N, C-alpha and C. Protein backbone atom coordinates (compact mmCIF):
# COMPACT_ATOMS: atom_id res chain seq x y z
N MET A 1 0.63 -1.27 0.19
CA MET A 1 0.13 0.08 -0.18
C MET A 1 0.83 1.23 -0.16
N LYS A 2 2.06 1.26 0.32
CA LYS A 2 2.58 2.43 0.51
C LYS A 2 2.96 2.76 -0.58
N GLY A 3 4.01 1.58 -1.24
CA GLY A 3 4.40 1.97 -2.28
C GLY A 3 3.74 2.08 -3.24
N TYR A 4 2.76 2.24 -3.19
CA TYR A 4 1.37 2.38 -4.06
C TYR A 4 0.94 4.02 -3.97
N ARG A 5 1.08 4.51 -2.16
CA ARG A 5 0.52 5.82 -2.21
C ARG A 5 2.35 6.55 -2.40
N MET A 6 3.45 6.49 -2.29
CA MET A 6 4.00 6.85 -2.96
C MET A 6 4.87 6.85 -4.97
N LYS A 7 3.90 6.10 -5.50
CA LYS A 7 4.06 6.24 -6.36
C LYS A 7 2.83 7.28 -7.03
N CYS A 8 1.46 7.41 -6.09
CA CYS A 8 0.41 8.47 -6.31
C CYS A 8 1.36 9.66 -6.00
N ILE A 9 1.90 10.26 -4.85
CA ILE A 9 2.26 11.36 -4.46
C ILE A 9 3.50 11.92 -6.21
N THR A 10 4.38 10.93 -6.22
CA THR A 10 4.85 10.82 -6.85
C THR A 10 4.31 11.87 -8.47
N LEU A 11 3.12 10.68 -9.29
CA LEU A 11 2.02 11.24 -10.61
C LEU A 11 1.40 12.47 -10.17
N ILE A 12 1.67 12.36 -8.70
CA ILE A 12 0.29 14.43 -8.33
C ILE A 12 1.65 14.86 -8.82
N LEU A 13 2.62 14.85 -7.98
CA LEU A 13 4.09 15.92 -8.40
C LEU A 13 3.77 16.44 -9.79
N LEU A 14 4.65 15.26 -11.14
CA LEU A 14 4.65 15.13 -12.35
C LEU A 14 3.61 15.42 -13.13
N TYR A 15 2.33 15.37 -12.66
CA TYR A 15 1.11 16.27 -12.99
C TYR A 15 1.18 17.77 -12.95
N SER A 16 1.28 17.84 -11.31
CA SER A 16 1.17 19.60 -11.06
C SER A 16 1.97 20.25 -11.71
N VAL A 17 3.56 19.66 -12.25
CA VAL A 17 4.71 19.69 -12.72
C VAL A 17 4.39 20.64 -13.94
N ILE A 18 3.99 19.16 -14.86
CA ILE A 18 4.25 19.62 -16.61
C ILE A 18 2.28 19.88 -16.50
N TRP A 19 1.11 18.79 -16.29
CA TRP A 19 0.06 19.31 -17.16
C TRP A 19 -0.81 20.29 -17.00
N LEU A 20 -0.61 21.10 -16.15
CA LEU A 20 -1.55 22.01 -15.35
C LEU A 20 -1.42 22.76 -16.37
N PRO A 21 -3.30 23.70 -16.61
CA PRO A 21 -3.46 24.06 -17.59
C PRO A 21 -3.04 25.41 -18.17
N ALA A 22 -2.96 25.38 -19.81
CA ALA A 22 -2.24 26.49 -20.47
C ALA A 22 -2.66 27.95 -20.17
N GLN A 23 -3.86 28.22 -19.28
CA GLN A 23 -3.94 29.74 -18.59
C GLN A 23 -2.36 30.46 -18.26
N SER A 24 -2.23 29.25 -17.07
CA SER A 24 -0.91 29.46 -16.34
C SER A 24 -0.04 30.13 -17.64
N SER A 25 1.32 30.66 -16.77
CA SER A 25 2.76 30.53 -16.99
C SER A 25 3.05 28.94 -17.22
N PRO A 26 4.12 29.19 -18.77
CA PRO A 26 4.58 27.87 -19.17
C PRO A 26 5.23 26.95 -17.93
N ARG A 27 4.63 25.99 -17.32
CA ARG A 27 5.43 24.88 -16.43
C ARG A 27 6.47 24.73 -16.41
N LEU A 28 6.97 24.70 -17.65
CA LEU A 28 8.23 23.65 -17.74
C LEU A 28 9.05 25.08 -18.91
N THR A 29 10.19 25.44 -18.00
CA THR A 29 11.11 26.49 -19.01
C THR A 29 12.52 26.34 -19.44
N ASP A 30 13.16 27.17 -20.52
CA ASP A 30 14.37 26.62 -20.11
C ASP A 30 15.08 27.53 -19.33
N ALA A 31 16.43 27.79 -19.12
CA ALA A 31 17.28 28.70 -18.13
C ALA A 31 17.07 30.08 -18.45
N GLY A 32 16.60 30.51 -19.62
CA GLY A 32 16.03 31.75 -19.96
C GLY A 32 14.70 31.82 -19.95
N GLY A 33 13.96 31.32 -19.23
CA GLY A 33 12.44 31.27 -18.95
C GLY A 33 11.20 31.35 -20.16
N GLN A 34 12.36 30.49 -21.59
CA GLN A 34 11.57 30.32 -22.72
C GLN A 34 11.27 28.56 -22.33
N GLU A 35 10.44 28.73 -23.52
CA GLU A 35 9.62 27.17 -23.17
C GLU A 35 10.88 26.56 -24.22
N PRO A 36 10.73 25.39 -24.16
CA PRO A 36 12.27 24.41 -24.52
C PRO A 36 12.07 24.27 -25.77
N SER A 37 13.44 23.96 -26.66
CA SER A 37 13.56 23.50 -27.85
C SER A 37 13.26 21.48 -27.60
N ARG A 38 13.31 21.33 -28.86
CA ARG A 38 13.75 19.63 -28.46
C ARG A 38 15.12 19.90 -28.52
N ARG A 39 16.02 20.44 -28.88
CA ARG A 39 17.33 20.45 -29.06
C ARG A 39 18.41 20.95 -27.39
N ASN A 40 17.43 21.28 -26.27
CA ASN A 40 17.65 21.86 -25.40
C ASN A 40 17.22 20.62 -24.91
N LYS A 41 18.68 19.98 -23.15
CA LYS A 41 18.52 18.59 -23.39
C LYS A 41 17.90 18.92 -21.84
N GLN A 42 18.52 19.75 -20.85
CA GLN A 42 17.89 19.64 -19.31
C GLN A 42 17.12 20.63 -19.10
N PRO A 43 15.61 21.19 -19.56
CA PRO A 43 15.05 21.94 -19.60
C PRO A 43 14.60 22.11 -17.14
N GLN A 44 14.76 23.08 -16.43
CA GLN A 44 14.56 23.51 -15.17
C GLN A 44 13.07 23.08 -15.09
N VAL A 45 12.44 22.68 -13.92
CA VAL A 45 11.17 22.29 -13.42
C VAL A 45 10.87 23.98 -13.65
N VAL A 46 9.19 24.13 -13.27
CA VAL A 46 9.09 25.38 -11.93
C VAL A 46 8.16 24.69 -11.23
N ILE A 47 7.98 24.75 -10.13
CA ILE A 47 6.76 24.30 -8.98
C ILE A 47 6.84 25.31 -8.60
N ASP A 48 5.14 25.60 -8.28
CA ASP A 48 4.82 26.40 -7.17
C ASP A 48 4.23 26.06 -5.92
N GLU A 49 4.64 25.19 -5.02
CA GLU A 49 3.93 25.06 -4.02
C GLU A 49 5.04 23.68 -3.23
N ILE A 50 4.97 23.84 -2.14
CA ILE A 50 5.72 22.95 -1.49
C ILE A 50 5.09 21.48 -1.35
N PHE A 51 5.65 20.21 -1.78
CA PHE A 51 5.41 19.06 -1.62
C PHE A 51 6.07 18.14 -0.77
N GLN A 52 5.16 17.82 -0.23
CA GLN A 52 5.57 16.71 0.89
C GLN A 52 6.67 14.89 -0.06
N ALA A 53 7.90 14.62 0.23
CA ALA A 53 7.83 13.80 -0.78
C ALA A 53 7.68 12.35 0.72
N CYS A 54 8.14 11.24 -0.51
CA CYS A 54 7.67 10.03 0.23
C CYS A 54 8.05 9.35 2.05
N GLY A 55 7.48 8.69 2.62
CA GLY A 55 7.80 9.23 3.92
C GLY A 55 6.78 9.00 5.07
N PRO A 56 6.98 9.90 6.00
CA PRO A 56 7.96 9.58 7.14
C PRO A 56 8.55 8.51 7.09
N LEU A 57 9.87 8.42 7.69
CA LEU A 57 11.04 7.13 8.00
C LEU A 57 10.19 6.93 9.26
N PHE A 58 9.99 5.41 9.59
CA PHE A 58 9.75 5.66 11.54
C PHE A 58 11.29 4.87 11.50
N PHE A 59 11.44 4.75 12.74
CA PHE A 59 11.92 4.07 13.77
C PHE A 59 12.22 3.75 14.74
N GLN A 60 12.62 2.42 14.96
CA GLN A 60 12.37 2.00 16.48
C GLN A 60 13.24 2.50 17.61
N SER A 61 12.79 2.64 18.79
CA SER A 61 13.87 3.19 19.38
C SER A 61 14.93 2.57 19.90
N GLY A 62 15.67 3.99 19.89
CA GLY A 62 16.88 3.75 19.52
C GLY A 62 17.79 3.41 18.42
N SER A 63 17.00 3.12 17.37
CA SER A 63 17.72 2.17 15.72
C SER A 63 18.05 4.19 15.41
N GLU A 64 19.06 3.51 14.42
CA GLU A 64 18.82 4.68 13.00
C GLU A 64 19.66 3.85 12.06
N ASN A 65 18.89 2.78 11.83
CA ASN A 65 19.50 1.79 10.48
C ASN A 65 17.79 2.00 9.67
N ILE A 66 18.57 2.23 8.83
CA ILE A 66 17.82 2.89 7.07
C ILE A 66 17.63 0.88 6.72
N GLY A 67 16.08 0.93 6.65
CA GLY A 67 15.92 -0.59 5.98
C GLY A 67 15.70 -0.25 4.34
N ALA A 68 14.96 -1.83 3.76
CA ALA A 68 14.91 -1.56 2.33
C ALA A 68 13.96 -0.57 1.61
N LYS A 69 12.45 -0.82 2.39
CA LYS A 69 11.85 0.26 2.06
C LYS A 69 12.15 1.66 1.89
N ASP A 70 13.12 2.07 3.01
CA ASP A 70 13.11 3.60 3.26
C ASP A 70 13.85 3.82 2.86
N GLU A 71 15.00 3.06 1.55
CA GLU A 71 15.97 3.45 0.86
C GLU A 71 15.17 3.46 -0.21
N LYS A 72 14.17 2.62 -0.48
CA LYS A 72 13.22 3.14 -1.77
C LYS A 72 12.50 3.70 -1.85
N CYS A 73 12.18 5.14 -0.04
CA CYS A 73 12.09 6.50 -0.43
C CYS A 73 12.82 7.41 -1.03
N LEU A 74 14.57 7.01 -0.43
CA LEU A 74 15.15 8.06 -0.76
C LEU A 74 15.17 7.99 -1.98
N LEU A 75 15.66 6.56 -2.63
CA LEU A 75 15.71 6.53 -4.23
C LEU A 75 14.69 7.45 -4.50
N GLU A 76 13.50 7.58 -4.72
CA GLU A 76 12.18 8.33 -4.89
C GLU A 76 13.19 9.76 -4.88
N ILE A 77 12.87 10.18 -3.65
CA ILE A 77 13.42 11.13 -2.84
C ILE A 77 14.56 11.88 -4.32
N SER A 78 15.80 10.78 -4.27
CA SER A 78 16.94 11.37 -5.21
C SER A 78 16.99 11.73 -6.94
N LEU A 79 15.55 10.72 -7.08
CA LEU A 79 15.22 11.14 -8.57
C LEU A 79 14.32 12.09 -8.69
N ASN A 80 13.52 12.59 -8.15
CA ASN A 80 12.87 14.15 -7.87
C ASN A 80 14.11 14.96 -7.88
N LEU A 81 14.73 15.27 -6.87
CA LEU A 81 15.38 16.35 -7.22
C LEU A 81 16.05 16.65 -8.44
N GLN A 82 16.54 15.13 -8.47
CA GLN A 82 17.44 15.30 -10.27
C GLN A 82 16.61 16.06 -11.08
N PHE A 83 15.41 15.58 -11.15
CA PHE A 83 14.07 16.48 -12.20
C PHE A 83 13.96 17.55 -11.58
N ALA A 84 14.02 18.31 -10.49
CA ALA A 84 13.28 19.53 -10.10
C ALA A 84 14.99 20.24 -9.26
N ALA A 85 15.38 20.55 -10.44
CA ALA A 85 16.74 21.03 -10.32
C ALA A 85 17.17 22.55 -8.92
N ASP A 86 15.42 23.25 -9.44
CA ASP A 86 15.78 24.36 -8.18
C ASP A 86 14.84 24.01 -7.45
N TYR A 87 14.73 23.19 -6.63
CA TYR A 87 14.28 22.72 -5.65
C TYR A 87 15.17 22.30 -4.11
N PHE A 88 15.11 22.23 -2.78
CA PHE A 88 15.81 21.90 -1.58
C PHE A 88 14.98 20.70 -1.44
N LEU A 89 15.97 19.41 -0.12
CA LEU A 89 15.05 18.95 0.45
C LEU A 89 15.11 19.28 1.83
N VAL A 90 13.98 19.35 2.23
CA VAL A 90 13.43 19.88 3.87
C VAL A 90 13.45 18.84 4.61
N VAL A 91 14.90 18.19 5.35
CA VAL A 91 14.61 16.92 5.82
C VAL A 91 13.94 17.16 7.30
N ASP A 92 12.78 17.36 7.90
CA ASP A 92 12.90 17.25 9.50
C ASP A 92 12.52 16.03 10.83
N VAL A 93 14.32 16.33 11.33
CA VAL A 93 14.41 15.12 12.18
C VAL A 93 13.97 15.45 13.31
N HIS A 94 12.97 14.11 13.79
CA HIS A 94 12.25 13.82 15.17
C HIS A 94 13.67 13.04 16.16
N ARG A 95 12.59 12.98 17.16
CA ARG A 95 12.95 11.93 18.24
C ARG A 95 12.37 11.76 19.18
N ALA A 96 11.69 10.59 19.73
CA ALA A 96 11.22 10.28 21.18
C ALA A 96 12.16 10.95 22.34
N THR A 97 10.91 10.76 23.31
CA THR A 97 11.92 11.74 24.83
C THR A 97 12.79 10.86 25.32
N SER A 98 12.51 9.68 25.20
CA SER A 98 13.30 9.27 25.64
C SER A 98 14.71 8.44 25.07
N GLU A 99 14.67 9.05 24.08
CA GLU A 99 16.20 8.88 23.18
C GLU A 99 17.01 9.84 23.48
N HIS A 100 18.18 9.73 23.16
CA HIS A 100 19.12 10.00 23.44
C HIS A 100 19.32 11.27 22.59
N ASP A 101 19.67 12.83 22.56
CA ASP A 101 20.13 13.01 21.50
C ASP A 101 21.09 12.79 19.86
N ASP A 102 21.32 12.26 20.42
CA ASP A 102 22.31 12.03 19.03
C ASP A 102 21.71 10.69 18.31
N VAL A 103 20.63 9.97 18.74
CA VAL A 103 20.44 8.92 17.94
C VAL A 103 19.86 10.06 16.95
N SER A 104 18.74 10.60 16.96
CA SER A 104 18.02 11.88 15.35
C SER A 104 19.21 11.89 14.60
N LEU A 105 20.19 12.74 15.17
CA LEU A 105 21.97 13.01 14.33
C LEU A 105 22.19 12.13 13.44
N ALA A 106 22.53 10.71 14.66
CA ALA A 106 22.45 9.71 13.51
C ALA A 106 21.54 8.48 12.56
N ARG A 107 20.29 9.11 11.97
CA ARG A 107 19.91 8.82 11.56
C ARG A 107 19.73 9.84 10.44
N VAL A 108 19.68 11.18 10.73
CA VAL A 108 19.52 11.98 9.76
C VAL A 108 20.79 11.68 8.81
N GLY A 109 21.87 11.59 9.33
CA GLY A 109 23.65 10.89 9.25
C GLY A 109 23.29 9.69 7.83
N LYS A 110 22.71 8.78 8.45
CA LYS A 110 22.57 8.10 7.54
C LYS A 110 21.79 8.49 6.19
N ALA A 111 20.43 9.06 6.21
CA ALA A 111 19.61 9.46 5.66
C ALA A 111 21.02 10.24 4.19
N ARG A 112 21.32 11.25 5.24
CA ARG A 112 22.05 12.19 4.12
C ARG A 112 23.07 11.81 3.29
N GLU A 113 23.77 10.29 3.80
CA GLU A 113 25.32 9.98 3.26
C GLU A 113 24.72 9.17 2.46
N TYR A 114 23.38 8.42 2.46
CA TYR A 114 22.95 7.79 1.13
C TYR A 114 22.41 8.45 -0.40
N LEU A 115 22.23 9.76 0.10
CA LEU A 115 20.84 10.94 -0.71
C LEU A 115 22.76 11.59 -1.02
N VAL A 116 24.03 11.95 -0.70
CA VAL A 116 24.94 12.89 -0.80
C VAL A 116 25.95 11.75 -1.96
N LYS A 117 26.41 10.36 -1.07
CA LYS A 117 27.34 9.83 -1.56
C LYS A 117 27.22 8.63 -2.75
N GLN A 118 25.92 8.32 -2.63
CA GLN A 118 25.07 7.18 -3.30
C GLN A 118 24.69 7.49 -4.38
N LYS A 119 23.79 8.78 -4.26
CA LYS A 119 22.64 9.24 -5.12
C LYS A 119 23.65 10.72 -6.52
N LYS A 120 24.46 10.96 -5.33
CA LYS A 120 25.28 12.30 -5.96
C LYS A 120 24.68 13.50 -5.69
N ILE A 121 23.58 13.64 -5.03
CA ILE A 121 22.83 14.53 -5.05
C ILE A 121 23.91 15.94 -4.20
N ASP A 122 23.57 17.13 -4.52
CA ASP A 122 24.59 18.25 -4.08
C ASP A 122 23.98 18.45 -2.56
N PRO A 123 25.44 18.28 -1.63
CA PRO A 123 25.25 18.74 -0.02
C PRO A 123 24.12 19.82 0.28
N ALA A 124 24.74 20.85 -0.09
CA ALA A 124 23.57 22.38 0.00
C ALA A 124 22.34 22.24 -0.36
N ARG A 125 21.99 21.14 -1.28
CA ARG A 125 20.57 21.17 -1.56
C ARG A 125 19.99 20.37 -0.22
N LEU A 126 20.40 20.03 0.69
CA LEU A 126 20.02 19.14 1.73
C LEU A 126 19.65 20.74 2.62
N ILE A 127 18.62 20.56 3.25
CA ILE A 127 18.17 21.55 4.36
C ILE A 127 17.85 20.58 5.86
N ILE A 128 18.83 20.30 6.88
CA ILE A 128 18.25 19.16 8.19
C ILE A 128 17.69 20.21 8.90
N ARG A 129 16.27 19.95 9.85
CA ARG A 129 15.78 21.04 10.56
C ARG A 129 15.92 20.06 11.58
N ASP A 130 16.12 19.47 12.78
CA ASP A 130 16.50 18.81 14.01
C ASP A 130 15.24 19.77 14.81
N PHE A 131 14.57 18.94 14.83
CA PHE A 131 13.36 19.23 16.20
C PHE A 131 13.29 18.86 17.73
N GLY A 132 14.18 17.88 17.57
CA GLY A 132 14.41 16.61 18.63
C GLY A 132 13.24 16.26 19.34
N ASP A 133 12.44 16.64 20.37
CA ASP A 133 11.62 15.97 20.99
C ASP A 133 10.37 17.37 20.68
N SER A 134 10.57 17.99 20.41
CA SER A 134 9.64 19.23 20.43
C SER A 134 8.36 19.02 19.28
N CYS A 135 8.20 17.99 19.03
CA CYS A 135 7.30 18.17 18.08
C CYS A 135 6.75 16.61 17.50
N PRO A 136 5.90 15.92 18.81
CA PRO A 136 5.53 14.78 18.43
C PRO A 136 4.60 14.59 17.73
N HIS A 137 4.54 13.00 16.95
CA HIS A 137 3.62 13.19 15.81
C HIS A 137 2.38 13.40 16.07
N GLU A 138 1.71 13.82 15.24
CA GLU A 138 0.13 14.05 14.97
C GLU A 138 -0.80 13.69 16.15
N ILE A 139 -0.63 11.63 15.32
CA ILE A 139 -1.15 10.95 15.72
C ILE A 139 -0.09 10.32 17.77
N ALA A 140 -1.35 10.45 18.58
CA ALA A 140 -0.46 10.44 19.90
C ALA A 140 0.19 9.17 20.37
N LYS A 141 0.85 8.79 19.19
CA LYS A 141 1.60 7.13 19.63
C LYS A 141 3.22 7.58 19.75
N VAL A 142 3.76 7.32 21.20
CA VAL A 142 5.09 7.61 21.21
C VAL A 142 5.93 6.71 19.99
N ASP A 143 5.56 5.65 19.62
CA ASP A 143 6.49 4.55 18.55
C ASP A 143 6.17 5.32 16.71
N LEU A 144 5.57 6.89 17.07
CA LEU A 144 5.69 7.35 15.42
C LEU A 144 6.46 8.87 15.82
N ASN A 145 6.80 8.90 17.14
CA ASN A 145 7.88 10.37 17.39
C ASN A 145 9.44 10.17 16.78
N ALA A 146 9.80 8.97 16.64
CA ALA A 146 11.23 8.97 16.06
C ALA A 146 11.17 8.70 14.96
N ARG A 147 11.51 9.63 14.10
CA ARG A 147 11.04 9.72 12.36
C ARG A 147 11.86 11.25 11.82
N LEU A 148 12.20 11.14 10.19
CA LEU A 148 12.39 11.74 9.75
C LEU A 148 10.85 12.25 8.87
N GLU A 149 11.17 13.26 8.37
CA GLU A 149 9.94 13.85 7.17
C GLU A 149 10.91 14.30 6.03
N PHE A 150 10.25 14.33 5.13
CA PHE A 150 10.71 14.88 4.24
C PHE A 150 10.15 15.52 2.96
N PHE A 151 10.65 17.19 2.70
CA PHE A 151 9.37 17.76 2.12
C PHE A 151 10.38 18.46 0.78
N TYR A 152 9.96 18.83 -0.18
CA TYR A 152 10.77 19.14 -1.25
C TYR A 152 9.79 21.25 -1.31
N TRP A 153 11.35 22.35 -1.19
CA TRP A 153 11.14 24.00 -0.90
C TRP A 153 11.98 24.60 -1.66
N ARG A 154 11.19 25.00 -2.33
CA ARG A 154 12.36 26.35 -2.72
C ARG A 154 13.45 26.97 -2.59
N ALA A 155 12.78 27.65 -1.66
CA ALA A 155 13.49 28.87 -0.65
C ALA A 155 14.23 28.13 0.47
N ARG A 156 15.82 28.38 0.20
CA ARG A 156 16.13 27.72 1.07
C ARG A 156 16.16 28.87 2.22
N GLU A 157 16.44 30.28 2.09
CA GLU A 157 16.81 31.07 3.82
C GLU A 157 15.44 31.07 4.12
N ASP A 158 13.73 30.65 3.49
CA ASP A 158 12.82 31.05 3.56
C ASP A 158 12.13 29.85 4.86
N VAL A 159 13.18 28.71 4.86
CA VAL A 159 12.81 27.68 5.75
C VAL A 159 11.56 27.82 7.16
N GLU A 160 12.05 29.21 7.75
CA GLU A 160 11.31 28.89 8.39
C GLU A 160 9.79 29.79 8.60
N SER A 161 9.14 29.40 7.55
CA SER A 161 8.30 30.10 7.40
C SER A 161 7.98 28.30 6.42
N LEU A 162 8.33 27.37 6.44
CA LEU A 162 7.47 26.38 6.16
C LEU A 162 6.42 25.84 7.25
N PRO A 163 5.36 25.55 7.29
CA PRO A 163 4.38 25.01 7.54
C PRO A 163 4.83 23.97 8.50
N LYS A 164 4.08 23.08 10.13
CA LYS A 164 5.20 21.83 10.14
C LYS A 164 3.61 21.58 12.06
N ARG A 165 3.37 20.36 10.96
CA ARG A 165 2.16 19.66 11.87
C ARG A 165 2.68 19.05 13.18
N CYS A 166 2.35 19.23 14.45
CA CYS A 166 2.47 18.32 15.58
C CYS A 166 1.77 18.01 15.90
N GLY A 167 1.72 16.88 17.10
CA GLY A 167 0.71 16.95 17.79
C GLY A 167 0.31 17.71 18.93
N SER A 168 -1.18 17.71 19.47
CA SER A 168 -1.62 18.84 20.24
C SER A 168 -1.44 19.00 21.33
N GLY A 169 -1.02 19.88 21.27
CA GLY A 169 0.03 20.97 22.68
C GLY A 169 1.62 21.50 22.31
N ALA A 170 1.73 20.75 21.25
CA ALA A 170 3.72 20.53 21.08
C ALA A 170 4.14 21.77 20.65
N LYS A 171 5.15 22.83 21.15
CA LYS A 171 5.37 23.93 20.45
C LYS A 171 6.80 23.42 20.15
N PRO A 172 7.03 23.42 18.76
CA PRO A 172 7.56 23.07 17.91
C PRO A 172 8.77 24.14 18.07
N ARG A 173 10.16 23.51 17.92
CA ARG A 173 11.02 24.56 17.96
C ARG A 173 12.33 23.45 17.10
N PHE A 174 13.32 24.61 16.05
CA PHE A 174 14.05 23.66 15.78
C PHE A 174 15.44 24.09 15.36
N ARG A 175 16.37 23.31 15.35
CA ARG A 175 18.19 23.80 14.18
C ARG A 175 18.00 23.61 13.67
N ILE A 176 19.22 24.62 12.58
CA ILE A 176 19.42 23.88 11.21
C ILE A 176 20.78 22.98 11.46
N VAL A 177 21.05 22.21 11.34
CA VAL A 177 21.72 21.12 11.26
C VAL A 177 22.55 21.33 9.96
N GLU A 178 24.00 21.73 10.17
CA GLU A 178 24.85 22.16 9.09
C GLU A 178 25.19 20.59 7.99
């Protein structure tokens, strides 16, 4: 079911990028803002919204291992980042209250290593926001707190305005991890 959901999200992303009605400005443009000709090899994609990537990736308490299904999600993210070259990937890192601070950073470190070293994604395109335990999952289940969430976002310097949903009564705080 999750594989189907990820395919649907990817198709929605592609649909909204390429097949939007002609009344709007051209969705696919070259570097000069012109519609691409057949000679252009790699047009830039223009997306006007934030999109949630696949995931979130959930972890067992204290674990930092990325499984095979998590790698599929990261592979999808790397392909989408290659397609939407003007977008950044925002990674929201969360941990359970009972976990040590370092475990969430180890989790995101493994995801980052996969994207940068194996899939050759420029590390400057990754924005990592560490929420620690300040933003529990919306569904009040403790085992959902240890997670990584992914979003495609256009403006690197405007990451503070990215909306965040947390559990009831939470006051989310984050720090940017370099």
